[in-house]
Amino acid sequence: MYSKAKEKRLRQLSILRFMGASWANIEEKICDDPSLKAHKGTVSIKTVRNDWSKRDEWLDEIWEFEDTDTLAKSVIAEKQRLKHKAWDMLRQLQQEAEDARKPMHDENPQYGSMLGVLRFINNLGSDEVELLQSLGEVDKEPDRHEVTLENAKQKLADRLSEET
């Protein structure tokens, strides 16, 4: 069982992450909110990231889910719907820019809007991959690479053979 403040923080964290919020946004919303602190002081972004990495331990309990896979899949479906709408918006902005016959640069208001939509689409894709990884649907990249003498010798041999 978690304190009321921590439970509220974990709920807020899961909502923000599933909505695709950036870590900067999460830090602003969670770390700076005194009502989400379990004790006097602050909650660091490191603590919040650590909480997120351990979500398998608390997500079911906090939200009283029976099946987190179903929730995650519905979130992915919603993100895909949002992505389709964003692509439609991007096409509309592109058409407006073409109709106005304005070159694409910083002075053109459509240019900034188009960049914002592209960033949004990129973030949705990244979040979708993270969710699929958490479900085990997509393999995770290794966090670190083991470097051994044998690996180093093989890489050197491969490079030398490429050069000749």
Foldseek 3Di string as FASTA:
>chain_A
DDDPLCLVLLVVLVVCLLVLHDLVVNCVVQQPDPSNDPDPDTDDSVNSVVCVVVCVVPVCPSVVDPDVVVVLVVSLVVLVVVLVVLVVVLVVLVVVCVVVVPDQDPVDPSNVVNVVSVVSNVSSVVSNVVSCCVVVNDPDDDPDDDDDPVVVVVVVVVVVVVVD
